[in-house]
Amino acid sequence: MSPAPPFGHSHPREEDSAELLARVPQLLGAMRSVGSGLELHSTLNRICETAAVLADARYAAIGVVGEDGEGLVDFVHHGPDEPTARRIVNEAPRSCGAR
């Protein structure tokens, strides 16, 4: 008898396990591409695109906060067009971070 899963989780169905197993090569490829990245922006683009594909998401975005904690120094996205991406950045919630 297998142990019970943690609260709020269920045992994966066979179809779910097969789907996750099929995504492992994509995840490994993403890890290799990140490791070979020479330029931060292009590496973030690859991470963003791969994350969207692996999550079966229409959109993905990564914002890089500046060292001073004020605003974004880089923003990469997958899915939305440029005007939509700009609106996302301009309307994004602001935070003071963990203190």
N, C-alpha and C. Protein backbone atom coordinates (compact mmCIF):
# COMPACT_ATOMS: atom_id res chain seq x y z
N MET A 1 0.84 -1.18 0.00
CA MET A 1 0.00 0.00 0.00
C MET A 1 0.89 1.24 0.00
N SER A 2 0.63 2.17 -0.92
CA SER A 2 1.45 3.38 -1.00
C SER A 2 0.96 4.40 0.02
N PRO A 3 1.89 5.26 0.49
CA PRO A 3 1.49 6.26 1.49
C PRO A 3 0.52 7.27 0.88
N ALA A 4 -0.28 7.85 1.75
CA ALA A 4 -1.24 8.86 1.30
C ALA A 4 -0.49 10.11 0.86
N PRO A 5 -0.99 10.78 -0.17
CA PRO A 5 -0.35 12.02 -0.62
C PRO A 5 -0.57 13.12 0.41
N PRO A 6 0.27 14.17 0.39
CA PRO A 6 0.08 15.29 1.32
C PRO A 6 -1.29 15.91 1.13
N PHE A 7 -1.78 16.57 2.18
CA PHE A 7 -3.08 17.22 2.13
C PHE A 7 -3.17 18.14 0.92
N GLY A 8 -4.27 18.08 0.21
CA GLY A 8 -4.47 18.95 -0.95
C GLY A 8 -3.89 18.40 -2.24
N HIS A 9 -3.22 17.28 -2.17
CA HIS A 9 -2.63 16.67 -3.36
C HIS A 9 -3.26 15.31 -3.59
N SER A 10 -3.24 14.87 -4.80
CA SER A 10 -3.74 13.54 -5.11
C SER A 10 -2.65 12.79 -5.85
N HIS A 11 -2.80 11.50 -5.90
CA HIS A 11 -1.85 10.70 -6.66
C HIS A 11 -2.00 11.04 -8.14
N PRO A 12 -0.87 11.17 -8.84
CA PRO A 12 -0.98 11.50 -10.27
C PRO A 12 -1.63 10.35 -11.04
N ARG A 13 -2.46 10.72 -11.99
CA ARG A 13 -3.04 9.72 -12.86
C ARG A 13 -1.98 9.29 -13.85
N GLU A 14 -2.17 8.14 -14.43
CA GLU A 14 -1.21 7.61 -15.39
C GLU A 14 -1.02 8.57 -16.57
N GLU A 15 -2.12 9.20 -17.04
CA GLU A 15 -2.01 10.13 -18.16
C GLU A 15 -1.18 11.35 -17.77
N ASP A 16 -1.38 11.85 -16.53
CA ASP A 16 -0.63 13.00 -16.06
C ASP A 16 0.86 12.67 -15.98
N SER A 17 1.17 11.49 -15.48
CA SER A 17 2.57 11.07 -15.38
C SER A 17 3.22 10.98 -16.75
N ALA A 18 2.49 10.46 -17.73
CA ALA A 18 3.03 10.34 -19.08
C ALA A 18 3.27 11.73 -19.67
N GLU A 19 2.34 12.66 -19.41
CA GLU A 19 2.51 14.02 -19.94
C GLU A 19 3.72 14.69 -19.29
N LEU A 20 3.87 14.54 -17.99
CA LEU A 20 5.03 15.13 -17.31
C LEU A 20 6.32 14.52 -17.82
N LEU A 21 6.33 13.22 -18.01
CA LEU A 21 7.51 12.54 -18.52
C LEU A 21 7.86 13.02 -19.92
N ALA A 22 6.86 13.31 -20.74
CA ALA A 22 7.10 13.80 -22.10
C ALA A 22 7.71 15.20 -22.07
N ARG A 23 7.48 15.96 -21.01
CA ARG A 23 8.02 17.32 -20.91
C ARG A 23 9.44 17.38 -20.36
N VAL A 24 9.93 16.30 -19.81
CA VAL A 24 11.27 16.29 -19.24
C VAL A 24 12.34 16.69 -20.25
N PRO A 25 12.33 16.18 -21.49
CA PRO A 25 13.34 16.63 -22.46
C PRO A 25 13.30 18.14 -22.72
N GLN A 26 12.09 18.72 -22.74
CA GLN A 26 11.98 20.17 -22.92
C GLN A 26 12.62 20.91 -21.74
N LEU A 27 12.35 20.42 -20.55
CA LEU A 27 12.92 21.04 -19.36
C LEU A 27 14.43 20.94 -19.36
N LEU A 28 14.95 19.79 -19.72
CA LEU A 28 16.41 19.62 -19.79
C LEU A 28 17.02 20.53 -20.86
N GLY A 29 16.33 20.64 -21.99
CA GLY A 29 16.81 21.54 -23.04
C GLY A 29 16.83 22.98 -22.57
N ALA A 30 15.81 23.37 -21.82
CA ALA A 30 15.77 24.73 -21.28
C ALA A 30 16.92 24.96 -20.31
N MET A 31 17.19 23.98 -19.48
CA MET A 31 18.30 24.11 -18.53
C MET A 31 19.63 24.25 -19.26
N ARG A 32 19.81 23.47 -20.33
CA ARG A 32 21.05 23.56 -21.10
C ARG A 32 21.17 24.93 -21.77
N SER A 33 20.05 25.43 -22.31
CA SER A 33 20.11 26.72 -23.00
C SER A 33 20.40 27.85 -22.02
N VAL A 34 19.87 27.75 -20.82
CA VAL A 34 20.16 28.77 -19.81
C VAL A 34 21.63 28.73 -19.45
N GLY A 35 22.16 27.54 -19.30
CA GLY A 35 23.57 27.40 -18.96
C GLY A 35 24.50 27.90 -20.05
N SER A 36 24.04 27.88 -21.29
CA SER A 36 24.90 28.32 -22.39
C SER A 36 24.66 29.78 -22.76
N GLY A 37 23.74 30.43 -22.06
CA GLY A 37 23.41 31.82 -22.37
C GLY A 37 24.56 32.76 -22.09
N LEU A 38 24.89 33.57 -23.06
CA LEU A 38 25.97 34.53 -22.90
C LEU A 38 25.44 35.93 -22.60
N GLU A 39 24.19 36.16 -22.93
CA GLU A 39 23.62 37.49 -22.76
C GLU A 39 22.33 37.34 -21.97
N LEU A 40 22.16 38.14 -20.90
CA LEU A 40 21.04 37.98 -19.99
C LEU A 40 19.69 38.08 -20.70
N HIS A 41 19.48 39.07 -21.53
CA HIS A 41 18.18 39.27 -22.16
C HIS A 41 17.78 38.05 -23.02
N SER A 42 18.70 37.54 -23.81
CA SER A 42 18.36 36.38 -24.65
C SER A 42 18.13 35.14 -23.79
N THR A 43 18.86 35.01 -22.69
CA THR A 43 18.65 33.88 -21.79
C THR A 43 17.27 33.98 -21.14
N LEU A 44 16.89 35.18 -20.71
CA LEU A 44 15.57 35.37 -20.12
C LEU A 44 14.47 35.09 -21.14
N ASN A 45 14.69 35.47 -22.39
CA ASN A 45 13.73 35.15 -23.45
C ASN A 45 13.52 33.65 -23.57
N ARG A 46 14.62 32.90 -23.57
CA ARG A 46 14.50 31.44 -23.68
C ARG A 46 13.77 30.86 -22.47
N ILE A 47 14.08 31.36 -21.28
CA ILE A 47 13.41 30.87 -20.07
C ILE A 47 11.91 31.16 -20.15
N CYS A 48 11.57 32.36 -20.55
CA CYS A 48 10.18 32.80 -20.63
C CYS A 48 9.40 31.95 -21.63
N GLU A 49 9.94 31.77 -22.80
CA GLU A 49 9.27 30.98 -23.83
C GLU A 49 9.11 29.53 -23.39
N THR A 50 10.17 28.96 -22.84
CA THR A 50 10.12 27.56 -22.39
C THR A 50 9.12 27.39 -21.27
N ALA A 51 9.07 28.34 -20.33
CA ALA A 51 8.11 28.27 -19.23
C ALA A 51 6.68 28.28 -19.75
N ALA A 52 6.42 29.14 -20.73
CA ALA A 52 5.07 29.20 -21.31
C ALA A 52 4.70 27.87 -21.96
N VAL A 53 5.63 27.31 -22.70
CA VAL A 53 5.37 26.03 -23.38
C VAL A 53 5.13 24.93 -22.35
N LEU A 54 6.00 24.83 -21.35
CA LEU A 54 5.88 23.77 -20.35
C LEU A 54 4.61 23.91 -19.51
N ALA A 55 4.18 25.14 -19.27
CA ALA A 55 2.98 25.37 -18.47
C ALA A 55 1.73 25.41 -19.34
N ASP A 56 1.91 25.26 -20.65
CA ASP A 56 0.80 25.35 -21.59
C ASP A 56 0.07 26.67 -21.41
N ALA A 57 0.87 27.74 -21.26
CA ALA A 57 0.33 29.08 -21.03
C ALA A 57 0.39 29.91 -22.31
N ARG A 58 -0.57 30.78 -22.48
CA ARG A 58 -0.57 31.67 -23.64
C ARG A 58 0.43 32.80 -23.46
N TYR A 59 0.67 33.20 -22.23
CA TYR A 59 1.55 34.33 -21.93
C TYR A 59 2.53 33.97 -20.83
N ALA A 60 3.69 34.59 -20.90
CA ALA A 60 4.67 34.49 -19.81
C ALA A 60 5.49 35.77 -19.83
N ALA A 61 5.96 36.18 -18.67
CA ALA A 61 6.76 37.41 -18.60
C ALA A 61 7.72 37.31 -17.43
N ILE A 62 8.85 37.98 -17.59
CA ILE A 62 9.85 38.08 -16.52
C ILE A 62 10.29 39.53 -16.44
N GLY A 63 10.20 40.09 -15.26
CA GLY A 63 10.67 41.45 -15.03
C GLY A 63 11.90 41.41 -14.15
N VAL A 64 12.92 42.16 -14.50
CA VAL A 64 14.15 42.21 -13.73
C VAL A 64 14.19 43.56 -13.02
N VAL A 65 14.15 43.53 -11.70
CA VAL A 65 14.17 44.75 -10.90
C VAL A 65 15.60 45.25 -10.79
N GLY A 66 15.75 46.57 -10.89
CA GLY A 66 17.07 47.19 -10.80
C GLY A 66 17.68 47.01 -9.41
N GLU A 67 18.99 47.17 -9.33
CA GLU A 67 19.69 47.01 -8.05
C GLU A 67 19.17 47.96 -6.98
N ASP A 68 18.71 49.13 -7.40
CA ASP A 68 18.19 50.10 -6.43
C ASP A 68 16.78 49.75 -5.98
N GLY A 69 16.18 48.71 -6.58
CA GLY A 69 14.84 48.28 -6.22
C GLY A 69 13.75 49.14 -6.83
N GLU A 70 14.13 50.09 -7.65
CA GLU A 70 13.17 51.01 -8.26
C GLU A 70 12.99 50.68 -9.73
N GLY A 71 11.87 50.14 -10.09
CA GLY A 71 11.55 49.90 -11.49
C GLY A 71 12.28 48.71 -12.09
N LEU A 72 11.88 48.42 -13.32
CA LEU A 72 12.45 47.29 -14.05
C LEU A 72 13.59 47.76 -14.95
N VAL A 73 14.67 46.98 -14.96
CA VAL A 73 15.77 47.27 -15.87
C VAL A 73 15.67 46.42 -17.13
N ASP A 74 14.85 45.37 -17.06
CA ASP A 74 14.61 44.52 -18.23
C ASP A 74 13.26 43.87 -18.06
N PHE A 75 12.60 43.63 -19.17
CA PHE A 75 11.30 42.97 -19.17
C PHE A 75 11.21 42.16 -20.44
N VAL A 76 11.04 40.85 -20.29
CA VAL A 76 10.89 39.98 -21.45
C VAL A 76 9.53 39.31 -21.37
N HIS A 77 8.96 39.01 -22.50
CA HIS A 77 7.63 38.41 -22.52
C HIS A 77 7.51 37.46 -23.70
N HIS A 78 6.56 36.57 -23.54
CA HIS A 78 6.22 35.62 -24.59
C HIS A 78 4.70 35.62 -24.69
N GLY A 79 4.19 35.87 -25.86
CA GLY A 79 2.75 35.83 -26.07
C GLY A 79 2.13 37.17 -26.37
N PRO A 80 2.14 38.10 -25.42
CA PRO A 80 1.44 39.36 -25.71
C PRO A 80 2.21 40.21 -26.73
N ASP A 81 1.45 41.02 -27.48
CA ASP A 81 2.10 41.95 -28.41
C ASP A 81 2.75 43.09 -27.62
N GLU A 82 3.54 43.92 -28.28
CA GLU A 82 4.28 44.98 -27.60
C GLU A 82 3.39 45.95 -26.82
N PRO A 83 2.29 46.46 -27.42
CA PRO A 83 1.45 47.38 -26.66
C PRO A 83 0.87 46.74 -25.38
N THR A 84 0.46 45.49 -25.49
CA THR A 84 -0.07 44.80 -24.31
C THR A 84 1.01 44.61 -23.27
N ALA A 85 2.20 44.22 -23.70
CA ALA A 85 3.31 44.03 -22.76
C ALA A 85 3.65 45.33 -22.05
N ARG A 86 3.67 46.45 -22.79
CA ARG A 86 3.95 47.76 -22.17
C ARG A 86 2.89 48.12 -21.14
N ARG A 87 1.63 47.82 -21.47
CA ARG A 87 0.55 48.10 -20.53
C ARG A 87 0.71 47.26 -19.26
N ILE A 88 1.12 46.00 -19.41
CA ILE A 88 1.35 45.13 -18.25
C ILE A 88 2.41 45.74 -17.33
N VAL A 89 3.50 46.21 -17.93
CA VAL A 89 4.59 46.79 -17.14
C VAL A 89 4.10 48.06 -16.43
N ASN A 90 3.38 48.91 -17.14
CA ASN A 90 2.93 50.17 -16.57
C ASN A 90 1.87 49.99 -15.49
N GLU A 91 1.09 48.92 -15.58
CA GLU A 91 0.01 48.70 -14.63
C GLU A 91 0.37 47.66 -13.56
N ALA A 92 1.61 47.19 -13.59
CA ALA A 92 2.01 46.15 -12.64
C ALA A 92 1.96 46.68 -11.21
N PRO A 93 1.56 45.82 -10.26
CA PRO A 93 1.55 46.25 -8.87
C PRO A 93 2.98 46.57 -8.40
N ARG A 94 3.12 47.51 -7.52
CA ARG A 94 4.42 47.87 -6.97
C ARG A 94 4.54 47.30 -5.57
N SER A 95 5.75 46.94 -5.21
CA SER A 95 5.99 46.34 -3.91
C SER A 95 7.27 46.90 -3.31
N CYS A 96 7.32 46.88 -2.02
CA CYS A 96 8.54 47.30 -1.32
C CYS A 96 9.44 46.11 -1.05
N GLY A 97 8.97 44.92 -1.36
CA GLY A 97 9.76 43.72 -1.13
C GLY A 97 9.64 43.26 0.31
N ALA A 98 10.29 42.14 0.60
CA ALA A 98 10.26 41.59 1.96
C ALA A 98 11.17 42.41 2.86
N ARG A 99 10.72 42.66 4.04
CA ARG A 99 11.54 43.42 5.00
C ARG A 99 11.68 42.65 6.27
